[in-house]
Amino acid sequence: MSKQRRLSKIFAQDGKSVTLALDGYFFSTKTEGIDNTIKQMPELVANGLDCALVTYGMARNYQKEFKDISIVLRVDSTVNVYDNSVPDTQQVFTTEDALKIDADGMVCMTFPGAFNEEKTHAMVARLVKEAEQWNMPFIVESLPYGYPVTSPESNEAKVIADAARIAVELGADVIKTRFSGTEDDYLIVEASMVPVLALGGPKTDTLGYFKFVEHCMNMEAKGVAVGRNITQDPKPIAMVAGLNAIIHQGASPEEAYALYQNTK
């Protein structure tokens, strides 16, 4: 299968994507809501979900739930699941593993500016070369200075943009990264040269979150890759419906919130 064909499954015909990050088991014990959300997958897809980031075990154990949606395999994990700061990462899966579960892509983190920058860049470079042999799209989650926001610099648009560009130069087909929420976020997309998915977003009220997503789309992001803002929402299906309205239909945050309120 060609890389473009696989990418066309991750992104909808308009080139945008509502992506659900279900890979939290590889990085944290804060995984409430993930399994319950997976069980609602048909309804999520019906309401506009395009893609899911999954673990290997998840893809194997929830085959029925994932049969009608594009999946991307997380190929790295934390070295200490009880430390939610993700102190370091390691490679745990390969392109061959992604092919075994019929994934449409792979995703891996890198941490420019952190103590493990060299190791994570080498991991990504090695996996990119491997993925190229099989036309497998590779998403790089490039996070400056580490996994969490720990300093003003780690959430500064210019710094995030530099981290994204490094990932592109390593061979990323798609960038997944944080947005600062400022007007300088256009720098992130400008530097990337490939589609950018905005990472998660702030924990805030629903309307506030929809306003953040609209901001990301105004900055020319191609969508979002959202975890807890969907899986830990009381109404995951309604949250996806609202995100779909903003990302694919150009709805305002207020219109998306009204849809959220009216969706079971």
Protein backbone atom coordinates (compact mmCIF):
# COMPACT_ATOMS: atom_id res chain seq x y z
CA MET A 1 0.00 0.00 0.00
CA SER A 2 1.26 3.49 -0.82
CA LYS A 3 2.07 6.00 1.91
CA GLN A 4 -0.46 8.44 0.46
CA ARG A 5 -3.22 5.84 0.66
CA ARG A 6 -2.44 5.23 4.33
CA LEU A 7 -2.32 8.97 5.04
CA SER A 8 -5.72 9.36 3.36
CA LYS A 9 -7.13 7.07 6.02
CA ILE A 10 -5.61 9.07 8.89
CA PHE A 11 -6.89 12.34 7.40
CA ALA A 12 -10.33 12.87 5.88
CA GLN A 13 -10.88 14.06 2.31
CA ASP A 14 -10.49 17.67 3.42
CA GLY A 15 -6.98 16.88 4.69
CA LYS A 16 -7.99 17.28 8.33
CA SER A 17 -8.30 14.83 11.20
CA VAL A 18 -10.07 14.33 14.50
CA THR A 19 -7.65 11.89 16.13
CA LEU A 20 -8.23 10.19 19.47
CA ALA A 21 -5.13 9.40 21.55
CA LEU A 22 -5.79 6.12 23.35
CA ASP A 23 -2.12 5.28 23.99
CA GLY A 24 -1.98 6.61 27.55
CA TYR A 25 -1.28 3.17 29.03
CA PHE A 26 2.27 3.47 27.69
CA PHE A 27 2.96 6.67 29.62
CA SER A 28 0.83 6.98 32.73
CA THR A 29 -1.47 5.31 35.22
CA LYS A 30 -3.99 8.11 34.62
CA THR A 31 -5.97 6.06 32.12
CA GLU A 32 -9.53 6.45 33.39
CA GLY A 33 -12.07 6.38 30.60
CA ILE A 34 -9.92 4.84 27.86
CA ASP A 35 -11.51 1.38 27.78
CA ASN A 36 -15.01 2.80 28.13
CA THR A 37 -14.33 5.16 25.22
CA ILE A 38 -13.07 2.32 23.03
CA LYS A 39 -16.33 0.45 23.62
CA GLN A 40 -18.15 3.46 22.11
CA MET A 41 -15.99 3.44 18.97
CA PRO A 42 -18.83 2.88 16.42
CA GLU A 43 -20.68 5.92 17.77
CA LEU A 44 -17.47 7.97 17.85
CA VAL A 45 -16.81 7.13 14.19
CA ALA A 46 -20.41 7.97 13.28
CA ASN A 47 -19.93 11.39 14.90
CA GLY A 48 -16.75 12.27 13.05
CA LEU A 49 -13.75 10.47 14.55
CA ASP A 50 -11.10 9.86 11.86
CA CYS A 51 -8.23 8.06 13.58
CA ALA A 52 -7.06 6.54 16.85
CA LEU A 53 -3.56 6.26 18.32
CA VAL A 54 -3.36 2.84 19.93
CA THR A 55 -1.09 0.41 21.73
CA TYR A 56 -0.28 -3.00 20.30
CA GLY A 57 -2.30 -4.85 22.94
CA MET A 58 -5.25 -2.55 22.38
CA ALA A 59 -5.28 -3.22 18.64
CA ARG A 60 -5.14 -6.95 19.28
CA ASN A 61 -7.80 -7.06 22.02
CA TYR A 62 -10.29 -4.58 20.50
CA GLN A 63 -10.25 -5.71 16.88
CA LYS A 64 -14.02 -5.48 16.50
CA GLU A 65 -14.16 -1.94 17.88
CA PHE A 66 -11.37 -0.70 15.59
CA LYS A 67 -12.48 -2.41 12.38
CA ASP A 68 -13.97 0.74 10.82
CA ILE A 69 -11.38 3.34 11.82
CA SER A 70 -7.80 4.16 10.93
CA ILE A 71 -5.32 3.23 13.66
CA VAL A 72 -1.77 4.42 14.31
CA LEU A 73 0.56 2.32 16.47
CA ARG A 74 2.46 3.93 19.34
CA VAL A 75 5.96 2.43 19.11
CA ASP A 76 7.62 4.04 22.15
CA SER A 77 6.77 3.97 25.85
CA THR A 78 7.93 5.50 29.10
CA VAL A 79 10.60 3.80 31.20
CA ASN A 80 8.59 4.42 34.39
CA VAL A 81 4.80 4.33 34.11
CA TYR A 82 4.44 5.52 37.73
CA ASP A 83 6.25 8.78 36.98
CA ASN A 84 3.75 10.88 35.03
CA SER A 85 6.47 13.28 33.90
CA VAL A 86 7.71 10.56 31.48
CA PRO A 87 11.35 10.69 32.61
CA ASP A 88 12.59 8.86 29.50
CA THR A 89 11.28 6.68 26.66
CA GLN A 90 12.25 3.49 24.89
CA GLN A 91 11.32 1.81 21.61
CA VAL A 92 8.99 -1.14 22.15
CA PHE A 93 7.59 -1.88 18.66
CA THR A 94 8.64 -1.82 15.01
CA THR A 95 7.21 -1.23 11.55
CA GLU A 96 6.71 -4.98 11.23
CA ASP A 97 4.52 -4.89 14.33
CA ALA A 98 2.50 -2.03 12.83
CA LEU A 99 1.97 -4.08 9.68
CA LYS A 100 0.84 -7.08 11.73
CA ILE A 101 -2.06 -5.11 13.22
CA ASP A 102 -2.87 -3.42 9.88
CA ALA A 103 -1.99 0.05 11.22
CA ASP A 104 -2.00 3.04 8.89
CA GLY A 105 0.93 4.72 10.63
CA MET A 106 3.29 4.85 13.60
CA VAL A 107 3.90 7.52 16.23
CA CYS A 108 6.94 8.17 18.41
CA MET A 109 8.14 10.99 20.70
CA THR A 110 11.30 13.05 20.56
CA PHE A 111 12.49 15.66 23.07
CA PRO A 112 14.65 18.44 21.62
CA GLY A 113 16.60 20.24 24.34
CA ALA A 114 16.19 17.46 26.91
CA PHE A 115 18.94 15.25 28.33
CA ASN A 116 17.73 12.37 26.14
CA GLU A 117 17.52 14.40 22.91
CA GLU A 118 20.28 12.39 21.22
CA LYS A 119 18.67 9.06 22.08
CA THR A 120 15.15 10.02 20.99
CA HIS A 121 16.38 11.58 17.75
CA ALA A 122 18.35 8.42 16.96
CA MET A 123 15.25 6.32 17.70
CA VAL A 124 13.12 8.41 15.34
CA ALA A 125 15.76 8.40 12.59
CA ARG A 126 16.05 4.62 12.79
CA LEU A 127 12.28 4.12 12.72
CA VAL A 128 11.79 6.57 9.85
CA LYS A 129 14.22 4.60 7.68
CA GLU A 130 12.41 1.39 8.59
CA ALA A 131 8.99 2.92 7.89
CA GLU A 132 10.12 4.22 4.49
CA GLN A 133 10.77 0.68 3.33
CA TRP A 134 7.08 -0.13 3.82
CA ASN A 135 5.51 3.24 2.90
CA MET A 136 4.35 3.57 6.50
CA PRO A 137 3.46 7.14 7.57
CA PHE A 138 5.43 8.27 10.59
CA ILE A 139 4.05 10.78 13.11
CA VAL A 140 6.62 12.45 15.35
CA GLU A 141 5.43 13.93 18.62
CA SER A 142 8.18 16.51 19.07
CA LEU A 143 8.08 18.12 22.53
CA PRO A 144 10.77 20.65 23.49
CA TYR A 145 12.56 20.03 26.81
CA GLY A 146 10.50 16.95 27.63
CA TYR A 147 6.98 15.57 27.98
CA PRO A 148 5.37 18.12 30.35
CA VAL A 149 5.35 21.90 30.16
CA THR A 150 7.84 22.78 32.89
CA SER A 151 9.05 26.24 31.89
CA PRO A 152 7.95 29.24 29.81
CA GLU A 153 10.39 28.14 27.09
CA SER A 154 8.86 24.66 26.80
CA ASN A 155 5.52 26.26 25.88
CA GLU A 156 6.87 29.06 23.67
CA ALA A 157 5.68 28.94 20.06
CA LYS A 158 9.11 29.65 18.55
CA VAL A 159 10.72 26.90 20.62
CA ILE A 160 7.94 24.44 19.70
CA ALA A 161 8.38 25.42 16.05
CA ASP A 162 12.11 24.67 16.23
CA ALA A 163 11.38 21.27 17.77
CA ALA A 164 8.83 20.52 15.06
CA ARG A 165 11.27 21.44 12.30
CA ILE A 166 13.92 19.11 13.72
CA ALA A 167 11.39 16.27 13.55
CA VAL A 168 10.61 17.15 9.92
CA GLU A 169 14.31 17.06 9.08
CA LEU A 170 14.50 13.61 10.69
CA GLY A 171 11.79 12.47 8.26
CA ALA A 172 8.42 12.99 9.97
CA ASP A 173 5.37 12.77 7.70
CA VAL A 174 3.14 14.40 10.34
CA ILE A 175 3.93 16.47 13.41
CA LYS A 176 2.01 16.12 16.67
CA THR A 177 2.89 18.82 19.17
CA ARG A 178 1.60 21.30 21.71
CA PHE A 179 0.28 24.72 20.76
CA SER A 180 0.94 27.65 23.08
CA GLY A 181 -2.46 29.28 22.58
CA THR A 182 -0.83 32.50 21.39
CA GLU A 183 -0.89 34.22 18.01
CA ASP A 184 2.69 33.08 17.45
CA ASP A 185 1.47 29.51 16.97
CA TYR A 186 1.45 30.11 13.22
CA LEU A 187 5.24 29.67 13.50
CA ILE A 188 4.75 26.00 14.39
CA VAL A 189 2.85 25.21 11.21
CA GLU A 190 5.07 27.46 9.11
CA ALA A 191 8.19 25.62 10.27
CA SER A 192 6.75 22.15 9.91
CA MET A 193 6.16 21.80 6.13
CA VAL A 194 4.02 18.70 6.83
CA PRO A 195 0.54 18.38 8.42
CA VAL A 196 0.44 19.36 12.10
CA LEU A 197 -1.93 17.88 14.67
CA ALA A 198 -2.34 19.96 17.82
CA LEU A 199 -1.62 17.96 20.93
CA GLY A 200 -4.41 17.57 23.50
CA GLY A 201 -4.85 21.03 24.88
CA PRO A 202 -5.60 22.63 28.23
CA LYS A 203 -7.87 21.11 30.85
CA THR A 204 -10.63 23.67 30.90
CA ASP A 205 -14.38 23.87 30.48
CA THR A 206 -15.83 22.50 27.25
CA LEU A 207 -16.49 25.84 25.57
CA GLY A 208 -13.01 27.03 26.51
CA TYR A 209 -11.52 23.90 24.99
CA PHE A 210 -13.48 24.37 21.78
CA LYS A 211 -12.12 27.93 21.60
CA PHE A 212 -8.59 26.53 21.90
CA VAL A 213 -9.27 24.07 19.06
CA GLU A 214 -10.64 26.87 16.88
CA HIS A 215 -7.44 28.80 17.60
CA CYS A 216 -5.33 25.84 16.46
CA MET A 217 -7.33 25.55 13.24
CA ASN A 218 -6.98 29.30 12.64
CA MET A 219 -3.21 28.78 12.96
CA GLU A 220 -3.53 26.23 10.08
CA ALA A 221 -3.27 23.03 12.10
CA LYS A 222 -4.78 20.06 10.27
CA GLY A 223 -6.65 18.84 13.32
CA VAL A 224 -6.10 17.62 16.85
CA ALA A 225 -4.85 14.49 18.60
CA VAL A 226 -6.84 14.43 21.82
CA GLY A 227 -6.70 12.02 24.74
CA ARG A 228 -8.13 12.90 28.13
CA ASN A 229 -10.26 15.78 26.85
CA ILE A 230 -12.30 13.04 25.15
CA THR A 231 -11.79 9.90 27.25
CA GLN A 232 -12.37 11.65 30.58
CA ASP A 233 -15.22 13.82 29.37
CA PRO A 234 -18.64 12.68 30.66
CA LYS A 235 -19.84 12.65 27.03
CA PRO A 236 -17.04 11.37 24.73
CA ILE A 237 -19.37 11.03 21.75
CA ALA A 238 -20.62 14.59 22.18
CA MET A 239 -17.04 15.87 22.48
CA VAL A 240 -16.09 14.18 19.19
CA ALA A 241 -19.19 15.62 17.53
CA GLY A 242 -18.17 19.11 18.65
CA LEU A 243 -14.59 18.66 17.47
CA ASN A 244 -15.81 17.35 14.13
CA ALA A 245 -18.00 20.44 13.73
CA ILE A 246 -15.06 22.79 14.29
CA ILE A 247 -12.41 20.86 12.35
CA HIS A 248 -14.38 19.53 9.39
CA GLN A 249 -17.34 21.90 9.17
CA GLY A 250 -15.86 25.22 10.25
CA ALA A 251 -18.32 25.66 13.10
CA SER A 252 -17.74 28.26 15.80
CA PRO A 253 -16.92 27.15 19.36
CA GLU A 254 -20.39 28.25 20.41
CA GLU A 255 -22.03 26.17 17.67
CA ALA A 256 -19.88 23.18 18.60
CA TYR A 257 -20.82 23.61 22.26
CA ALA A 258 -24.51 23.68 21.41
CA LEU A 259 -24.02 20.45 19.45
CA TYR A 260 -22.14 18.99 22.41
CA GLN A 261 -25.02 19.83 24.74
CA ASN A 262 -27.59 18.27 22.41
CA THR A 263 -25.63 15.05 21.72
CA LYS A 264 -26.07 12.11 24.08
